[in-house]
């Protein structure tokens, strides 16, 4: 009874109305892809992991803005279904599927080679593909599977396409991280190759998301003056298939909480903001939260030399330096 009386108190009622009003105003003022007038006719965009979830929602909006939109997907069946759905929804015939498994550096090289052979420009690259909950495993290429999927594949793909993006400038690289990177207290570069192991799948995922931030910051430094920007973001807590590799109990808890999460369309907002918003023109090497606000990433992201060491480790792990068949864009290091 006392609790019910509290909710009926005039002061509580007034405070509740004020809070709702503030939330409503904030929501109205937040950036919306639907209100963005950008026309991407003549532009080409690649979105990895675009067969479902955030990636699919990002690809849908880019296609709606008239971009030639390439869905880079691991599964042919799901990818083609997404392509057909997006074509129907947007009327854009220039939506295409290209097979890509970002956990396989051979697949990444093949994807990049085929794209470069087309001679097409590239204006937007969204590294969205990611995974969590996988058991520890080292691939035949000597890379730990989760780190290969979330970090190494995006690193190699980006570098192999950089030359084309510089030639297509202005262009944007958008890397999808997570607010979970704030949970990281230690970075061990040996995790990339499975020489050392994180405590569990959650720690592995969190660390890959911090590496996404570090990679983006270092990439932006190297791209200064090229007309290509690189930014990283958190999509927030989004209702996707991200926990499909976890146990039944975790998936049940996730399902129970899902009504309070953003849907993929809302969760794609910060990614699209970095990819197309005029407000981001000229901004590079920054981290954006799920409300499209420019915020500081966690302290480790600013540790001197860590981004450079990660870059060197990724070059070695992916074979980028020694790959003579495809040359990455030769960005210059600062002296």
C-alpha atoms as a PDB file:
ATOM      1  CA  UNK A   1       0.000   0.000   0.000  1.00  0.00           C
ATOM      2  CA  UNK A   2       2.822   2.425   0.842  1.00  0.00           C
ATOM      3  CA  UNK A   3       4.449   1.672  -2.498  1.00  0.00           C
ATOM      4  CA  UNK A   4       1.203   2.317  -4.347  1.00  0.00           C
ATOM      5  CA  UNK A   5       0.775   5.583  -2.455  1.00  0.00           C
ATOM      6  CA  UNK A   6       4.278   6.646  -3.487  1.00  0.00           C
ATOM      7  CA  UNK A   7       3.480   6.193  -7.177  1.00  0.00           C
ATOM      8  CA  UNK A   8       0.299   8.250  -6.750  1.00  0.00           C
ATOM      9  CA  UNK A   9       2.047  11.125  -4.986  1.00  0.00           C
ATOM     10  CA  UNK A  10       1.795  14.384  -6.982  1.00  0.00           C
ATOM     11  CA  UNK A  11       5.542  15.017  -6.766  1.00  0.00           C
ATOM     12  CA  UNK A  12       6.299  11.517  -8.109  1.00  0.00           C
ATOM     13  CA  UNK A  13       3.816  12.058 -10.926  1.00  0.00           C
ATOM     14  CA  UNK A  14       5.394  15.404 -11.873  1.00  0.00           C
ATOM     15  CA  UNK A  15       8.927  13.977 -11.778  1.00  0.00           C
ATOM     16  CA  UNK A  16       7.850  11.022 -13.920  1.00  0.00           C
ATOM     17  CA  UNK A  17       6.300  13.338 -16.509  1.00  0.00           C
ATOM     18  CA  UNK A  18       9.449  15.475 -16.563  1.00  0.00           C
ATOM     19  CA  UNK A  19      11.649  12.408 -17.065  1.00  0.00           C
ATOM     20  CA  UNK A  20       9.471  11.096 -19.886  1.00  0.00           C
ATOM     21  CA  UNK A  21       9.505  14.516 -21.527  1.00  0.00           C
ATOM     22  CA  UNK A  22      13.308  14.665 -21.390  1.00  0.00           C
ATOM     23  CA  UNK A  23      13.610  11.198 -22.877  1.00  0.00           C
ATOM     24  CA  UNK A  24      11.140  12.107 -25.625  1.00  0.00           C
ATOM     25  CA  UNK A  25      13.013  15.315 -26.476  1.00  0.00           C
ATOM     26  CA  UNK A  26      16.350  13.498 -26.501  1.00  0.00           C
ATOM     27  CA  UNK A  27      14.949  10.841 -28.781  1.00  0.00           C
ATOM     28  CA  UNK A  28      13.508  13.432 -31.159  1.00  0.00           C
ATOM     29  CA  UNK A  29      16.835  15.277 -31.318  1.00  0.00           C
ATOM     30  CA  UNK A  30      18.895  12.136 -31.892  1.00  0.00           C
ATOM     31  CA  UNK A  31      20.223  11.521 -35.380  1.00  0.00           C
ATOM     32  CA  UNK A  32      17.996   9.384 -37.600  1.00  0.00           C
ATOM     33  CA  UNK A  33      19.008   7.580 -40.823  1.00  0.00           C
ATOM     34  CA  UNK A  34      15.530   8.232 -42.243  1.00  0.00           C
ATOM     35  CA  UNK A  35      15.980  11.981 -41.842  1.00  0.00           C
ATOM     36  CA  UNK A  36      19.446  12.005 -43.427  1.00  0.00           C
ATOM     37  CA  UNK A  37      19.144  13.494 -46.957  1.00  0.00           C
ATOM     38  CA  UNK A  38      22.374  11.953 -48.304  1.00  0.00           C
ATOM     39  CA  UNK A  39      22.087  10.431 -51.794  1.00  0.00           C
ATOM     40  CA  UNK A  40      24.680   7.713 -52.465  1.00  0.00           C
ATOM     41  CA  UNK A  41      23.980   7.318 -56.182  1.00  0.00           C
ATOM     42  CA  UNK A  42      27.205   6.301 -57.935  1.00  0.00           C
ATOM     43  CA  UNK A  43      28.814   5.217 -54.656  1.00  0.00           C
ATOM     44  CA  UNK A  44      29.831   1.670 -53.706  1.00  0.00           C
ATOM     45  CA  UNK A  45      29.607   0.242 -50.195  1.00  0.00           C
ATOM     46  CA  UNK A  46      30.667  -3.089 -48.687  1.00  0.00           C
ATOM     47  CA  UNK A  47      29.097  -4.391 -45.467  1.00  0.00           C
ATOM     48  CA  UNK A  48      30.489  -7.541 -43.856  1.00  0.00           C
ATOM     49  CA  UNK A  49      28.206  -9.864 -41.902  1.00  0.00           C
ATOM     50  CA  UNK A  50      25.191  -8.412 -43.698  1.00  0.00           C
ATOM     51  CA  UNK A  51      22.928 -11.457 -43.899  1.00  0.00           C
ATOM     52  CA  UNK A  52      21.167 -10.590 -40.627  1.00  0.00           C
ATOM     53  CA  UNK A  53      21.076  -8.241 -37.641  1.00  0.00           C
ATOM     54  CA  UNK A  54      22.838  -4.902 -37.673  1.00  0.00           C
ATOM     55  CA  UNK A  55      24.733  -5.604 -40.887  1.00  0.00           C
ATOM     56  CA  UNK A  56      21.558  -6.319 -42.797  1.00  0.00           C
ATOM     57  CA  UNK A  57      19.913  -3.162 -41.427  1.00  0.00           C
ATOM     58  CA  UNK A  58      22.957  -1.101 -42.444  1.00  0.00           C
ATOM     59  CA  UNK A  59      22.943  -2.590 -45.951  1.00  0.00           C
ATOM     60  CA  UNK A  60      19.213  -1.889 -46.265  1.00  0.00           C
ATOM     61  CA  UNK A  61      19.644   1.798 -45.479  1.00  0.00           C
ATOM     62  CA  UNK A  62      22.662   2.197 -47.771  1.00  0.00           C
ATOM     63  CA  UNK A  63      20.674   0.597 -50.595  1.00  0.00           C
ATOM     64  CA  UNK A  64      17.735   2.868 -49.802  1.00  0.00           C
ATOM     65  CA  UNK A  65      20.129   5.785 -50.263  1.00  0.00           C
ATOM     66  CA  UNK A  66      20.904   4.419 -53.762  1.00  0.00           C
ATOM     67  CA  UNK A  67      24.384   3.010 -53.106  1.00  0.00           C
ATOM     68  CA  UNK A  68      25.650   0.001 -54.952  1.00  0.00           C
ATOM     69  CA  UNK A  69      25.604  -2.213 -51.873  1.00  0.00           C
ATOM     70  CA  UNK A  70      27.673  -5.385 -51.579  1.00  0.00           C
ATOM     71  CA  UNK A  71      26.668  -7.808 -48.835  1.00  0.00           C
ATOM     72  CA  UNK A  72      29.798  -9.714 -47.812  1.00  0.00           C
ATOM     73  CA  UNK A  73      28.430 -12.874 -46.189  1.00  0.00           C
ATOM     74  CA  UNK A  74      29.672 -16.288 -45.159  1.00  0.00           C
ATOM     75  CA  UNK A  75      26.426 -18.147 -45.883  1.00  0.00           C
ATOM     76  CA  UNK A  76      25.254 -18.097 -49.503  1.00  0.00           C
ATOM     77  CA  UNK A  77      21.645 -19.015 -48.719  1.00  0.00           C
ATOM     78  CA  UNK A  78      21.112 -16.409 -45.974  1.00  0.00           C
ATOM     79  CA  UNK A  79      23.066 -13.805 -47.902  1.00  0.00           C
ATOM     80  CA  UNK A  80      21.019 -14.222 -51.068  1.00  0.00           C
ATOM     81  CA  UNK A  81      17.789 -14.089 -49.088  1.00  0.00           C
ATOM     82  CA  UNK A  82      18.943 -10.779 -47.561  1.00  0.00           C
ATOM     83  CA  UNK A  83      19.854  -9.419 -51.005  1.00  0.00           C
ATOM     84  CA  UNK A  84      16.435 -10.245 -52.422  1.00  0.00           C
ATOM     85  CA  UNK A  85      14.667  -8.766 -49.388  1.00  0.00           C
ATOM     86  CA  UNK A  86      16.643  -5.525 -49.661  1.00  0.00           C
ATOM     87  CA  UNK A  87      16.031  -5.258 -53.399  1.00  0.00           C
ATOM     88  CA  UNK A  88      12.293  -5.638 -52.861  1.00  0.00           C
ATOM     89  CA  UNK A  89      12.223  -3.140 -50.009  1.00  0.00           C
ATOM     90  CA  UNK A  90      14.287  -0.450 -51.755  1.00  0.00           C
ATOM     91  CA  UNK A  91      13.782  -1.008 -55.467  1.00  0.00           C
ATOM     92  CA  UNK A  92      17.569  -0.774 -55.812  1.00  0.00           C
ATOM     93  CA  UNK A  93      18.797  -3.373 -58.354  1.00  0.00           C
ATOM     94  CA  UNK A  94      22.445  -2.739 -57.434  1.00  0.00           C
ATOM     95  CA  UNK A  95      22.426  -4.894 -54.309  1.00  0.00           C
ATOM     96  CA  UNK A  96      24.777  -7.834 -54.616  1.00  0.00           C
ATOM     97  CA  UNK A  97      26.088 -10.800 -52.664  1.00  0.00           C
ATOM     98  CA  UNK A  98      29.764 -11.671 -52.403  1.00  0.00           C
ATOM     99  CA  UNK A  99      30.858 -14.629 -50.305  1.00  0.00           C
ATOM    100  CA  UNK A 100      33.305 -13.836 -47.525  1.00  0.00           C
ATOM    101  CA  UNK A 101      34.365 -15.716 -44.399  1.00  0.00           C
ATOM    102  CA  UNK A 102      36.307 -13.156 -42.358  1.00  0.00           C
ATOM    103  CA  UNK A 103      37.748 -15.898 -40.132  1.00  0.00           C
ATOM    104  CA  UNK A 104      39.657 -17.218 -43.157  1.00  0.00           C
ATOM    105  CA  UNK A 105      42.474 -15.038 -44.483  1.00  0.00           C
ATOM    106  CA  UNK A 106      42.379 -17.042 -47.733  1.00  0.00           C
ATOM    107  CA  UNK A 107      38.700 -16.112 -48.140  1.00  0.00           C
ATOM    108  CA  UNK A 108      39.494 -12.458 -47.371  1.00  0.00           C
ATOM    109  CA  UNK A 109      42.235 -12.418 -50.002  1.00  0.00           C
ATOM    110  CA  UNK A 110      39.972 -14.058 -52.556  1.00  0.00           C
ATOM    111  CA  UNK A 111      37.169 -11.576 -51.846  1.00  0.00           C
ATOM    112  CA  UNK A 112      39.548  -8.607 -52.170  1.00  0.00           C
ATOM    113  CA  UNK A 113      41.121  -9.958 -55.344  1.00  0.00           C
ATOM    114  CA  UNK A 114      37.741 -10.445 -57.033  1.00  0.00           C
ATOM    115  CA  UNK A 115      36.562  -6.984 -56.018  1.00  0.00           C
ATOM    116  CA  UNK A 116      39.756  -5.306 -57.215  1.00  0.00           C
ATOM    117  CA  UNK A 117      39.539  -7.139 -60.537  1.00  0.00           C
ATOM    118  CA  UNK A 118      36.179  -5.449 -61.149  1.00  0.00           C
ATOM    119  CA  UNK A 119      37.935  -2.093 -61.187  1.00  0.00           C
ATOM    120  CA  UNK A 120      35.182  -0.571 -59.069  1.00  0.00           C
ATOM    121  CA  UNK A 121      35.605   2.342 -56.711  1.00  0.00           C
ATOM    122  CA  UNK A 122      34.880   1.865 -53.009  1.00  0.00           C
ATOM    123  CA  UNK A 123      33.507   4.681 -50.876  1.00  0.00           C
ATOM    124  CA  UNK A 124      32.207   2.953 -47.734  1.00  0.00           C
ATOM    125  CA  UNK A 125      33.569  -0.138 -45.968  1.00  0.00           C
ATOM    126  CA  UNK A 126      31.666  -1.332 -42.907  1.00  0.00           C
ATOM    127  CA  UNK A 127      33.503  -4.001 -40.905  1.00  0.00           C
ATOM    128  CA  UNK A 128      30.478  -5.332 -39.032  1.00  0.00           C
ATOM    129  CA  UNK A 129      30.977  -9.116 -38.916  1.00  0.00           C
ATOM    130  CA  UNK A 130      31.580 -10.438 -35.423  1.00  0.00           C
ATOM    131  CA  UNK A 131      31.062 -13.453 -33.204  1.00  0.00           C
ATOM    132  CA  UNK A 132      31.176 -14.492 -29.557  1.00  0.00           C
ATOM    133  CA  UNK A 133      30.755 -17.703 -27.593  1.00  0.00           C
ATOM    134  CA  UNK A 134      32.906 -19.877 -29.820  1.00  0.00           C
ATOM    135  CA  UNK A 135      35.036 -22.523 -28.117  1.00  0.00           C
ATOM    136  CA  UNK A 136      38.776 -21.954 -28.269  1.00  0.00           C
ATOM    137  CA  UNK A 137      40.148 -23.070 -31.645  1.00  0.00           C
ATOM    138  CA  UNK A 138      43.144 -22.323 -33.841  1.00  0.00           C
ATOM    139  CA  UNK A 139      42.463 -22.227 -37.574  1.00  0.00           C
ATOM    140  CA  UNK A 140      44.605 -23.971 -40.189  1.00  0.00           C
ATOM    141  CA  UNK A 141      46.198 -20.564 -40.802  1.00  0.00           C
ATOM    142  CA  UNK A 142      47.396 -20.408 -37.195  1.00  0.00           C
ATOM    143  CA  UNK A 143      44.893 -17.833 -35.921  1.00  0.00           C
ATOM    144  CA  UNK A 144      42.572 -18.092 -32.932  1.00  0.00           C
ATOM    145  CA  UNK A 145      39.051 -18.302 -34.361  1.00  0.00           C
ATOM    146  CA  UNK A 146      37.270 -15.552 -32.413  1.00  0.00           C
ATOM    147  CA  UNK A 147      40.133 -13.092 -32.884  1.00  0.00           C
ATOM    148  CA  UNK A 148      40.384 -14.010 -36.572  1.00  0.00           C
ATOM    149  CA  UNK A 149      36.680 -13.337 -37.076  1.00  0.00           C
ATOM    150  CA  UNK A 150      36.452 -10.116 -35.083  1.00  0.00           C
ATOM    151  CA  UNK A 151      39.848  -8.534 -35.700  1.00  0.00           C
ATOM    152  CA  UNK A 152      42.300 -10.168 -38.103  1.00  0.00           C
ATOM    153  CA  UNK A 153      39.874 -10.572 -40.998  1.00  0.00           C
ATOM    154  CA  UNK A 154      38.755  -6.950 -40.836  1.00  0.00           C
ATOM    155  CA  UNK A 155      42.376  -5.793 -40.581  1.00  0.00           C
ATOM    156  CA  UNK A 156      43.440  -7.731 -43.664  1.00  0.00           C
ATOM    157  CA  UNK A 157      40.361  -6.850 -45.722  1.00  0.00           C
ATOM    158  CA  UNK A 158      40.722  -3.153 -44.942  1.00  0.00           C
ATOM    159  CA  UNK A 159      44.385  -3.072 -45.872  1.00  0.00           C
ATOM    160  CA  UNK A 160      43.862  -4.929 -49.131  1.00  0.00           C
ATOM    161  CA  UNK A 161      41.142  -2.458 -50.178  1.00  0.00           C
ATOM    162  CA  UNK A 162      42.869   0.716 -48.978  1.00  0.00           C
ATOM    163  CA  UNK A 163      44.454   1.559 -52.315  1.00  0.00           C
ATOM    164  CA  UNK A 164      41.057   1.545 -54.011  1.00  0.00           C
ATOM    165  CA  UNK A 165      39.500   3.589 -51.217  1.00  0.00           C
ATOM    166  CA  UNK A 166      42.217   6.235 -51.423  1.00  0.00           C
ATOM    167  CA  UNK A 167      41.671   6.417 -55.186  1.00  0.00           C
ATOM    168  CA  UNK A 168      37.914   6.785 -54.513  1.00  0.00           C
ATOM    169  CA  UNK A 169      38.283   9.452 -51.802  1.00  0.00           C
ATOM    170  CA  UNK A 170      36.467  10.867 -50.003  1.00  0.00           C
ATOM    171  CA  UNK A 171      35.746   7.477 -48.462  1.00  0.00           C
ATOM    172  CA  UNK A 172      34.912   6.104 -45.023  1.00  0.00           C
ATOM    173  CA  UNK A 173      35.906   3.016 -43.067  1.00  0.00           C
ATOM    174  CA  UNK A 174      33.538   2.111 -40.231  1.00  0.00           C
ATOM    175  CA  UNK A 175      34.482  -0.509 -37.636  1.00  0.00           C
ATOM    176  CA  UNK A 176      31.842  -1.905 -35.289  1.00  0.00           C
ATOM    177  CA  UNK A 177      33.120  -2.309 -31.729  1.00  0.00           C
ATOM    178  CA  UNK A 178      31.139  -2.487 -28.472  1.00  0.00           C
ATOM    179  CA  UNK A 179      30.764  -0.750 -25.117  1.00  0.00           C
ATOM    180  CA  UNK A 180      32.117  -4.043 -23.782  1.00  0.00           C
ATOM    181  CA  UNK A 181      35.628  -2.852 -24.636  1.00  0.00           C
ATOM    182  CA  UNK A 182      35.447  -0.792 -21.432  1.00  0.00           C
ATOM    183  CA  UNK A 183      35.583  -4.089 -19.468  1.00  0.00           C
ATOM    184  CA  UNK A 184      39.082  -4.991 -20.664  1.00  0.00           C
ATOM    185  CA  UNK A 185      41.934  -4.722 -18.164  1.00  0.00           C
ATOM    186  CA  UNK A 186      44.607  -6.610 -20.093  1.00  0.00           C
ATOM    187  CA  UNK A 187      45.617  -7.036 -23.737  1.00  0.00           C
ATOM    188  CA  UNK A 188      47.769 -10.014 -24.692  1.00  0.00           C
ATOM    189  CA  UNK A 189      48.727  -9.982 -28.378  1.00  0.00           C
ATOM    190  CA  UNK A 190      49.470 -13.720 -28.183  1.00  0.00           C
ATOM    191  CA  UNK A 191      45.709 -14.261 -28.029  1.00  0.00           C
ATOM    192  CA  UNK A 192      45.619 -13.477 -31.761  1.00  0.00           C
ATOM    193  CA  UNK A 193      47.348 -16.753 -32.584  1.00  0.00           C
ATOM    194  CA  UNK A 194      46.203 -18.848 -29.641  1.00  0.00           C
ATOM    195  CA  UNK A 195      49.666 -19.013 -28.061  1.00  0.00           C
ATOM    196  CA  UNK A 196      48.001 -17.745 -24.891  1.00  0.00           C
ATOM    197  CA  UNK A 197      44.308 -18.008 -24.015  1.00  0.00           C
ATOM    198  CA  UNK A 198      41.799 -15.591 -22.470  1.00  0.00           C
ATOM    199  CA  UNK A 199      39.911 -16.834 -19.406  1.00  0.00           C
ATOM    200  CA  UNK A 200      36.638 -17.320 -21.259  1.00  0.00           C
ATOM    201  CA  UNK A 201      34.599 -16.379 -24.341  1.00  0.00           C
ATOM    202  CA  UNK A 202      33.411 -13.124 -22.803  1.00  0.00           C
ATOM    203  CA  UNK A 203      36.951 -11.934 -22.125  1.00  0.00           C
ATOM    204  CA  UNK A 204      37.936 -12.880 -25.664  1.00  0.00           C
ATOM    205  CA  UNK A 205      35.014 -10.939 -27.144  1.00  0.00           C
ATOM    206  CA  UNK A 206      35.679  -7.873 -25.005  1.00  0.00           C
ATOM    207  CA  UNK A 207      39.330  -7.831 -25.999  1.00  0.00           C
ATOM    208  CA  UNK A 208      38.529  -8.118 -29.707  1.00  0.00           C
ATOM    209  CA  UNK A 209      36.313  -5.070 -29.342  1.00  0.00           C
ATOM    210  CA  UNK A 210      39.123  -3.095 -27.726  1.00  0.00           C
ATOM    211  CA  UNK A 211      41.385  -4.216 -30.564  1.00  0.00           C
ATOM    212  CA  UNK A 212      38.823  -2.825 -33.008  1.00  0.00           C
ATOM    213  CA  UNK A 213      39.244   0.559 -31.317  1.00  0.00           C
ATOM    214  CA  UNK A 214      43.051   0.339 -31.304  1.00  0.00           C
ATOM    215  CA  UNK A 215      43.158  -0.750 -34.940  1.00  0.00           C
ATOM    216  CA  UNK A 216      40.893   2.114 -35.992  1.00  0.00           C
ATOM    217  CA  UNK A 217      42.927   4.751 -34.165  1.00  0.00           C
ATOM    218  CA  UNK A 218      46.181   3.504 -35.665  1.00  0.00           C
ATOM    219  CA  UNK A 219      44.621   3.229 -39.121  1.00  0.00           C
ATOM    220  CA  UNK A 220      43.311   6.797 -38.951  1.00  0.00           C
ATOM    221  CA  UNK A 221      46.781   8.033 -38.004  1.00  0.00           C
ATOM    222  CA  UNK A 222      48.269   6.342 -41.051  1.00  0.00           C
ATOM    223  CA  UNK A 223      45.557   7.660 -43.372  1.00  0.00           C
ATOM    224  CA  UNK A 224      45.990  11.332 -42.535  1.00  0.00           C
ATOM    225  CA  UNK A 225      45.833  13.438 -45.679  1.00  0.00           C
ATOM    226  CA  UNK A 226      44.463  10.665 -47.916  1.00  0.00           C
ATOM    227  CA  UNK A 227      40.782  11.650 -47.845  1.00  0.00           C
ATOM    228  CA  UNK A 228      39.865   8.328 -46.217  1.00  0.00           C
ATOM    229  CA  UNK A 229      38.518   8.438 -42.670  1.00  0.00           C
ATOM    230  CA  UNK A 230      38.263   5.597 -40.157  1.00  0.00           C
ATOM    231  CA  UNK A 231      35.968   5.636 -37.146  1.00  0.00           C
ATOM    232  CA  UNK A 232      34.713   3.055 -34.652  1.00  0.00           C
ATOM    233  CA  UNK A 233      31.460   2.772 -32.738  1.00  0.00           C
ATOM    234  CA  UNK A 234      29.294   0.898 -30.285  1.00  0.00           C
ATOM    235  CA  UNK A 235      25.852  -0.076 -31.584  1.00  0.00           C
ATOM    236  CA  UNK A 236      24.520  -0.496 -28.039  1.00  0.00           C
ATOM    237  CA  UNK A 237      22.543  -3.441 -26.690  1.00  0.00           C
ATOM    238  CA  UNK A 238      20.829  -4.850 -29.773  1.00  0.00           C
ATOM    239  CA  UNK A 239      18.545  -7.822 -30.276  1.00  0.00           C
ATOM    240  CA  UNK A 240      20.520  -9.996 -32.733  1.00  0.00           C
ATOM    241  CA  UNK A 241      21.796 -13.567 -33.114  1.00  0.00           C
ATOM    242  CA  UNK A 242      25.050 -12.729 -31.307  1.00  0.00           C
ATOM    243  CA  UNK A 243      24.568 -15.396 -28.579  1.00  0.00           C
ATOM    244  CA  UNK A 244      23.798 -18.260 -30.955  1.00  0.00           C
ATOM    245  CA  UNK A 245      26.982 -20.080 -29.881  1.00  0.00           C
ATOM    246  CA  UNK A 246      26.254 -19.849 -26.148  1.00  0.00           C
ATOM    247  CA  UNK A 247      24.483 -22.461 -24.027  1.00  0.00           C
ATOM    248  CA  UNK A 248      20.750 -22.787 -23.575  1.00  0.00           C
ATOM    249  CA  UNK A 249      20.654 -20.941 -20.232  1.00  0.00           C
ATOM    250  CA  UNK A 250      22.461 -17.888 -21.633  1.00  0.00           C
ATOM    251  CA  UNK A 251      20.201 -17.802 -24.685  1.00  0.00           C
ATOM    252  CA  UNK A 252      17.106 -18.053 -22.474  1.00  0.00           C
ATOM    253  CA  UNK A 253      18.256 -15.120 -20.323  1.00  0.00           C
ATOM    254  CA  UNK A 254      19.023 -13.145 -23.474  1.00  0.00           C
ATOM    255  CA  UNK A 255      15.542 -13.907 -24.823  1.00  0.00           C
ATOM    256  CA  UNK A 256      13.920 -12.766 -21.573  1.00  0.00           C
ATOM    257  CA  UNK A 257      15.818  -9.469 -21.760  1.00  0.00           C
ATOM    258  CA  UNK A 258      15.285  -8.971 -25.499  1.00  0.00           C
ATOM    259  CA  UNK A 259      12.103  -6.857 -25.186  1.00  0.00           C
ATOM    260  CA  UNK A 260      14.238  -4.189 -23.498  1.00  0.00           C
ATOM    261  CA  UNK A 261      16.874  -4.191 -26.265  1.00  0.00           C
ATOM    262  CA  UNK A 262      17.010  -2.185 -29.476  1.00  0.00           C
ATOM    263  CA  UNK A 263      15.937  -3.870 -32.673  1.00  0.00           C
ATOM    264  CA  UNK A 264      18.586  -4.174 -35.441  1.00  0.00           C
ATOM    265  CA  UNK A 265      17.201  -1.145 -37.297  1.00  0.00           C
ATOM    266  CA  UNK A 266      17.667   1.085 -34.246  1.00  0.00           C
ATOM    267  CA  UNK A 267      20.947  -0.646 -33.453  1.00  0.00           C
ATOM    268  CA  UNK A 268      22.311   0.232 -36.905  1.00  0.00           C
ATOM    269  CA  UNK A 269      21.971   3.973 -36.246  1.00  0.00           C
ATOM    270  CA  UNK A 270      25.479   4.705 -34.950  1.00  0.00           C
ATOM    271  CA  UNK A 271      27.037   2.616 -37.732  1.00  0.00           C
ATOM    272  CA  UNK A 272      25.098   4.526 -40.362  1.00  0.00           C
ATOM    273  CA  UNK A 273      25.937   7.815 -38.675  1.00  0.00           C
ATOM    274  CA  UNK A 274      29.648   7.097 -39.106  1.00  0.00           C
ATOM    275  CA  UNK A 275      29.103   5.848 -42.665  1.00  0.00           C
ATOM    276  CA  UNK A 276      26.964   8.596 -44.193  1.00  0.00           C
ATOM    277  CA  UNK A 277      26.215  11.540 -41.878  1.00  0.00           C
ATOM    278  CA  UNK A 278      27.536  14.885 -43.190  1.00  0.00           C
ATOM    279  CA  UNK A 279      28.345  15.783 -39.573  1.00  0.00           C
ATOM    280  CA  UNK A 280      31.122  13.158 -39.538  1.00  0.00           C
ATOM    281  CA  UNK A 281      32.834  14.478 -42.681  1.00  0.00           C
ATOM    282  CA  UNK A 282      36.500  15.110 -41.887  1.00  0.00           C
ATOM    283  CA  UNK A 283      36.381  13.313 -38.519  1.00  0.00           C
ATOM    284  CA  UNK A 284      38.689  10.318 -38.190  1.00  0.00           C
ATOM    285  CA  UNK A 285      40.116   8.058 -35.508  1.00  0.00           C
ATOM    286  CA  UNK A 286      37.212   8.634 -33.125  1.00  0.00           C
ATOM    287  CA  UNK A 287      34.875   6.439 -31.070  1.00  0.00           C
ATOM    288  CA  UNK A 288      31.102   7.012 -31.106  1.00  0.00           C
ATOM    289  CA  UNK A 289      28.552   5.573 -28.686  1.00  0.00           C
ATOM    290  CA  UNK A 290      25.147   4.141 -29.574  1.00  0.00           C
ATOM    291  CA  UNK A 291      23.590   7.626 -29.420  1.00  0.00           C
ATOM    292  CA  UNK A 292      26.013   8.876 -32.104  1.00  0.00           C
ATOM    293  CA  UNK A 293      27.928  10.910 -29.546  1.00  0.00           C
ATOM    294  CA  UNK A 294      31.676  11.303 -29.820  1.00  0.00           C
ATOM    295  CA  UNK A 295      33.085   9.925 -26.555  1.00  0.00           C
ATOM    296  CA  UNK A 296      36.453   8.796 -25.238  1.00  0.00           C
ATOM    297  CA  UNK A 297      37.171   5.061 -25.341  1.00  0.00           C
ATOM    298  CA  UNK A 298      38.688   3.367 -22.327  1.00  0.00           C
ATOM    299  CA  UNK A 299      42.167   4.142 -20.998  1.00  0.00           C
ATOM    300  CA  UNK A 300      43.973   1.226 -22.684  1.00  0.00           C
ATOM    301  CA  UNK A 301      42.950   2.609 -26.067  1.00  0.00           C
ATOM    302  CA  UNK A 302      45.308   5.517 -25.395  1.00  0.00           C
ATOM    303  CA  UNK A 303      48.258   3.490 -24.104  1.00  0.00           C
ATOM    304  CA  UNK A 304      51.364   4.733 -25.952  1.00  0.00           C
ATOM    305  CA  UNK A 305      52.589   2.299 -28.575  1.00  0.00           C
ATOM    306  CA  UNK A 306      49.873  -0.317 -28.050  1.00  0.00           C
ATOM    307  CA  UNK A 307      48.141   0.445 -31.355  1.00  0.00           C
ATOM    308  CA  UNK A 308      51.479   0.193 -33.176  1.00  0.00           C
ATOM    309  CA  UNK A 309      52.272  -3.124 -31.492  1.00  0.00           C
ATOM    310  CA  UNK A 310      48.830  -4.486 -32.376  1.00  0.00           C
ATOM    311  CA  UNK A 311      49.284  -3.390 -35.989  1.00  0.00           C
ATOM    312  CA  UNK A 312      52.666  -5.129 -36.204  1.00  0.00           C
ATOM    313  CA  UNK A 313      51.226  -8.296 -34.644  1.00  0.00           C
ATOM    314  CA  UNK A 314      48.308  -8.300 -37.076  1.00  0.00           C
ATOM    315  CA  UNK A 315      50.613  -7.786 -40.042  1.00  0.00           C
ATOM    316  CA  UNK A 316      52.569 -10.836 -38.955  1.00  0.00           C
ATOM    317  CA  UNK A 317      49.515 -12.947 -38.070  1.00  0.00           C
ATOM    318  CA  UNK A 318      47.710 -12.275 -41.356  1.00  0.00           C
ATOM    319  CA  UNK A 319      50.817 -12.420 -43.537  1.00  0.00           C
ATOM    320  CA  UNK A 320      50.098  -8.938 -44.861  1.00  0.00           C
ATOM    321  CA  UNK A 321      53.764  -7.938 -45.022  1.00  0.00           C
ATOM    322  CA  UNK A 322      54.865 -11.079 -46.816  1.00  0.00           C
ATOM    323  CA  UNK A 323      51.863 -11.459 -49.152  1.00  0.00           C
ATOM    324  CA  UNK A 324      53.355 -10.738 -52.574  1.00  0.00           C
ATOM    325  CA  UNK A 325      50.205 -11.533 -54.544  1.00  0.00           C
ATOM    326  CA  UNK A 326      48.293  -8.502 -53.264  1.00  0.00           C
ATOM    327  CA  UNK A 327      49.856  -5.313 -52.026  1.00  0.00           C
ATOM    328  CA  UNK A 328      48.233  -3.211 -49.378  1.00  0.00           C
ATOM    329  CA  UNK A 329      48.173   0.561 -49.703  1.00  0.00           C
ATOM    330  CA  UNK A 330      51.672   1.728 -48.669  1.00  0.00           C
ATOM    331  CA  UNK A 331      50.804   4.162 -45.901  1.00  0.00           C
ATOM    332  CA  UNK A 332      53.776   5.951 -44.399  1.00  0.00           C
ATOM    333  CA  UNK A 333      54.646   5.705 -40.734  1.00  0.00           C
ATOM    334  CA  UNK A 334      55.330   8.869 -38.805  1.00  0.00           C
ATOM    335  CA  UNK A 335      58.983   9.344 -37.933  1.00  0.00           C
END
